[in-house]
Amino acid sequence: QVQLVESGGGLVQAGESLGLSCAASRSILWLNAMGWYRQAPGQQRELVAAITNGGNTEYADSVKGRFTISRDSAKNTVYLQMNSLKPEDTAVYYCWGRGWGSILQDYWGQGTQVTVSS
């Protein structure tokens, strides 16, 4: 089991930057992958960015070139740096992790609101 706690959300204007952090309650080295999802009102939750234990990254097409995911295993933390934010980036952002317990399991944070005004 692991608890994930996000921080860093807020209200910014279009074109500005914002950084999110996700702190895990234990070592993240046992997680196969971690990442960020987002969910806007009335829409399905979608993958924004993910990073594997080996350091491979994946991004949604809509954020490529603007967002960067990284991890610091020593701090058990994953980050999402968001630049050139757009109003359509407005959503609740959830930290996600996948790892093996007795079964392969997904873990979720409580979410943090990101609002981008035009």
C-alpha atoms as a PDB file:
ATOM      1  CA  GLN A   1       0.000   0.000   0.000  1.00  0.00           C
ATOM      2  CA  VAL A   2       1.056   3.568  -0.612  1.00  0.00           C
ATOM      3  CA  GLN A   3      -0.592   6.910  -0.056  1.00  0.00           C
ATOM      4  CA  LEU A   4      -0.113   9.640  -2.649  1.00  0.00           C
ATOM      5  CA  VAL A   5      -0.549  13.300  -1.737  1.00  0.00           C
ATOM      6  CA  GLU A   6      -0.607  16.012  -4.368  1.00  0.00           C
ATOM      7  CA  SER A   7       0.264  19.656  -3.875  1.00  0.00           C
ATOM      8  CA  GLY A   8       0.829  22.722  -6.003  1.00  0.00           C
ATOM      9  CA  GLY A   9      -2.486  23.298  -7.716  1.00  0.00           C
ATOM     10  CA  GLY A  10      -4.021  26.718  -8.025  1.00  0.00           C
ATOM     11  CA  LEU A  11      -5.299  29.480 -10.273  1.00  0.00           C
ATOM     12  CA  VAL A  12      -3.093  30.912 -12.998  1.00  0.00           C
ATOM     13  CA  GLN A  13      -3.554  32.900 -16.179  1.00  0.00           C
ATOM     14  CA  ALA A  14      -3.113  31.480 -19.647  1.00  0.00           C
ATOM     15  CA  GLY A  15       0.536  31.320 -20.639  1.00  0.00           C
ATOM     16  CA  GLU A  16       1.799  30.987 -17.088  1.00  0.00           C
ATOM     17  CA  SER A  17       3.481  28.021 -15.433  1.00  0.00           C
ATOM     18  CA  LEU A  18       2.601  25.815 -12.491  1.00  0.00           C
ATOM     19  CA  GLY A  19       4.302  22.886 -10.822  1.00  0.00           C
ATOM     20  CA  LEU A  20       2.634  19.925  -9.151  1.00  0.00           C
ATOM     21  CA  SER A  21       4.195  17.535  -6.666  1.00  0.00           C
ATOM     22  CA  CYS A  22       3.104  14.091  -5.555  1.00  0.00           C
ATOM     23  CA  ALA A  23       4.634  12.756  -2.367  1.00  0.00           C
ATOM     24  CA  ALA A  24       4.400   9.036  -1.649  1.00  0.00           C
ATOM     25  CA  SER A  25       4.187   7.577   1.831  1.00  0.00           C
ATOM     26  CA  ARG A  26       6.893   5.016   1.071  1.00  0.00           C
ATOM     27  CA  SER A  27       9.605   4.328  -1.453  1.00  0.00           C
ATOM     28  CA  ILE A  28       8.427   4.696  -5.044  1.00  0.00           C
ATOM     29  CA  LEU A  29      11.046   2.302  -6.354  1.00  0.00           C
ATOM     30  CA  TRP A  30       8.628  -0.619  -6.105  1.00  0.00           C
ATOM     31  CA  LEU A  31       6.067   1.139  -8.304  1.00  0.00           C
ATOM     32  CA  ASN A  32       6.287   0.120 -11.936  1.00  0.00           C
ATOM     33  CA  ALA A  33       5.115   3.527 -13.055  1.00  0.00           C
ATOM     34  CA  MET A  34       3.796   6.809 -11.751  1.00  0.00           C
ATOM     35  CA  GLY A  35       2.087   9.677 -13.421  1.00  0.00           C
ATOM     36  CA  TRP A  36      -0.619  12.277 -13.592  1.00  0.00           C
ATOM     37  CA  TYR A  37      -4.182  12.059 -14.798  1.00  0.00           C
ATOM     38  CA  ARG A  38      -6.686  14.870 -15.054  1.00  0.00           C
ATOM     39  CA  GLN A  39     -10.438  15.143 -15.146  1.00  0.00           C
ATOM     40  CA  ALA A  40     -12.394  18.170 -16.294  1.00  0.00           C
ATOM     41  CA  PRO A  41     -16.085  18.587 -15.428  1.00  0.00           C
ATOM     42  CA  GLY A  42     -18.237  16.298 -17.525  1.00  0.00           C
ATOM     43  CA  GLN A  43     -15.255  14.547 -19.057  1.00  0.00           C
ATOM     44  CA  GLN A  44     -13.481  11.255 -18.505  1.00  0.00           C
ATOM     45  CA  ARG A  45     -10.255  11.045 -16.595  1.00  0.00           C
ATOM     46  CA  GLU A  46      -7.333  11.113 -19.007  1.00  0.00           C
ATOM     47  CA  LEU A  47      -3.646  10.363 -18.779  1.00  0.00           C
ATOM     48  CA  VAL A  48      -1.508  13.491 -18.867  1.00  0.00           C
ATOM     49  CA  ALA A  49       1.976  12.102 -18.318  1.00  0.00           C
ATOM     50  CA  ALA A  50       3.616   8.975 -16.951  1.00  0.00           C
ATOM     51  CA  ILE A  51       7.107   7.850 -16.035  1.00  0.00           C
ATOM     52  CA  THR A  52       8.281   4.288 -15.552  1.00  0.00           C
ATOM     53  CA  ASN A  53      10.699   2.971 -12.997  1.00  0.00           C
ATOM     54  CA  GLY A  54      13.263   2.903 -15.787  1.00  0.00           C
ATOM     55  CA  GLY A  55      12.732   6.576 -16.526  1.00  0.00           C
ATOM     56  CA  ASN A  56      10.750   6.250 -19.751  1.00  0.00           C
ATOM     57  CA  THR A  57       8.123   8.942 -20.162  1.00  0.00           C
ATOM     58  CA  GLU A  58       4.828   9.252 -21.987  1.00  0.00           C
ATOM     59  CA  TYR A  59       2.724  12.335 -22.617  1.00  0.00           C
ATOM     60  CA  ALA A  60      -0.728  13.104 -23.920  1.00  0.00           C
ATOM     61  CA  ASP A  61      -0.505  14.773 -27.325  1.00  0.00           C
ATOM     62  CA  SER A  62      -2.234  17.849 -25.928  1.00  0.00           C
ATOM     63  CA  VAL A  63       0.599  18.543 -23.459  1.00  0.00           C
ATOM     64  CA  LYS A  64       3.692  17.458 -25.387  1.00  0.00           C
ATOM     65  CA  GLY A  65       6.295  20.198 -25.406  1.00  0.00           C
ATOM     66  CA  ARG A  66       4.597  22.053 -22.554  1.00  0.00           C
ATOM     67  CA  PHE A  67       4.549  19.613 -19.624  1.00  0.00           C
ATOM     68  CA  THR A  68       7.435  17.693 -18.101  1.00  0.00           C
ATOM     69  CA  ILE A  69       7.199  14.801 -15.681  1.00  0.00           C
ATOM     70  CA  SER A  70      10.076  13.860 -13.413  1.00  0.00           C
ATOM     71  CA  ARG A  71      10.731  11.855 -10.290  1.00  0.00           C
ATOM     72  CA  ASP A  72      13.056  12.019  -7.324  1.00  0.00           C
ATOM     73  CA  SER A  73      13.321   8.566  -5.797  1.00  0.00           C
ATOM     74  CA  ALA A  74      15.294   9.857  -2.828  1.00  0.00           C
ATOM     75  CA  LYS A  75      12.353  12.105  -1.928  1.00  0.00           C
ATOM     76  CA  ASN A  76       9.665   9.610  -3.000  1.00  0.00           C
ATOM     77  CA  THR A  77       8.164  12.353  -5.107  1.00  0.00           C
ATOM     78  CA  VAL A  78       6.953  12.790  -8.658  1.00  0.00           C
ATOM     79  CA  TYR A  79       6.629  16.187 -10.266  1.00  0.00           C
ATOM     80  CA  LEU A  80       4.715  17.707 -13.142  1.00  0.00           C
ATOM     81  CA  GLN A  81       5.996  20.992 -14.504  1.00  0.00           C
ATOM     82  CA  MET A  82       3.345  22.689 -16.597  1.00  0.00           C
ATOM     83  CA  ASN A  83       4.326  25.556 -18.866  1.00  0.00           C
ATOM     84  CA  SER A  84       2.360  27.656 -21.343  1.00  0.00           C
ATOM     85  CA  LEU A  85      -0.864  26.690 -19.641  1.00  0.00           C
ATOM     86  CA  LYS A  86      -4.115  26.964 -21.547  1.00  0.00           C
ATOM     87  CA  PRO A  87      -7.709  27.278 -20.305  1.00  0.00           C
ATOM     88  CA  GLU A  88      -8.339  23.759 -21.601  1.00  0.00           C
ATOM     89  CA  ASP A  89      -5.784  22.481 -19.078  1.00  0.00           C
ATOM     90  CA  THR A  90      -8.260  23.331 -16.332  1.00  0.00           C
ATOM     91  CA  ALA A  91      -9.080  20.153 -14.419  1.00  0.00           C
ATOM     92  CA  VAL A  92      -8.536  18.225 -11.234  1.00  0.00           C
ATOM     93  CA  TYR A  93      -5.125  16.597 -11.492  1.00  0.00           C
ATOM     94  CA  TYR A  94      -4.616  13.207  -9.852  1.00  0.00           C
ATOM     95  CA  CYS A  95      -1.369  11.532  -8.992  1.00  0.00           C
ATOM     96  CA  TRP A  96      -1.288   7.859  -9.974  1.00  0.00           C
ATOM     97  CA  GLY A  97       0.964   4.937  -9.264  1.00  0.00           C
ATOM     98  CA  ARG A  98       0.911   1.281 -10.313  1.00  0.00           C
ATOM     99  CA  GLY A  99       2.679  -1.464  -8.462  1.00  0.00           C
ATOM    100  CA  TRP A 100       2.574  -5.022  -7.283  1.00  0.00           C
ATOM    101  CA  GLY A 101       1.132  -5.877  -3.940  1.00  0.00           C
ATOM    102  CA  SER A 102      -0.650  -9.213  -3.896  1.00  0.00           C
ATOM    103  CA  ILE A 103      -1.965  -8.108  -7.292  1.00  0.00           C
ATOM    104  CA  LEU A 104      -1.046  -5.379  -9.741  1.00  0.00           C
ATOM    105  CA  GLN A 105      -2.837  -2.376  -8.326  1.00  0.00           C
ATOM    106  CA  ASP A 106      -3.437   1.281  -9.110  1.00  0.00           C
ATOM    107  CA  TYR A 107      -3.075   3.928  -6.409  1.00  0.00           C
ATOM    108  CA  TRP A 108      -4.538   7.416  -6.549  1.00  0.00           C
ATOM    109  CA  GLY A 109      -4.086  10.702  -4.778  1.00  0.00           C
ATOM    110  CA  GLN A 110      -7.003  12.856  -3.706  1.00  0.00           C
ATOM    111  CA  GLY A 111      -6.560  15.326  -6.555  1.00  0.00           C
ATOM    112  CA  THR A 112      -5.599  18.967  -6.812  1.00  0.00           C
ATOM    113  CA  GLN A 113      -7.442  21.645  -8.764  1.00  0.00           C
ATOM    114  CA  VAL A 114      -5.701  23.505 -11.564  1.00  0.00           C
ATOM    115  CA  THR A 115      -7.603  26.427 -13.045  1.00  0.00           C
ATOM    116  CA  VAL A 116      -6.297  28.414 -16.003  1.00  0.00           C
ATOM    117  CA  SER A 117      -8.068  31.660 -16.772  1.00  0.00           C
ATOM    118  CA  SER A 118      -8.074  33.233 -20.220  1.00  0.00           C
END
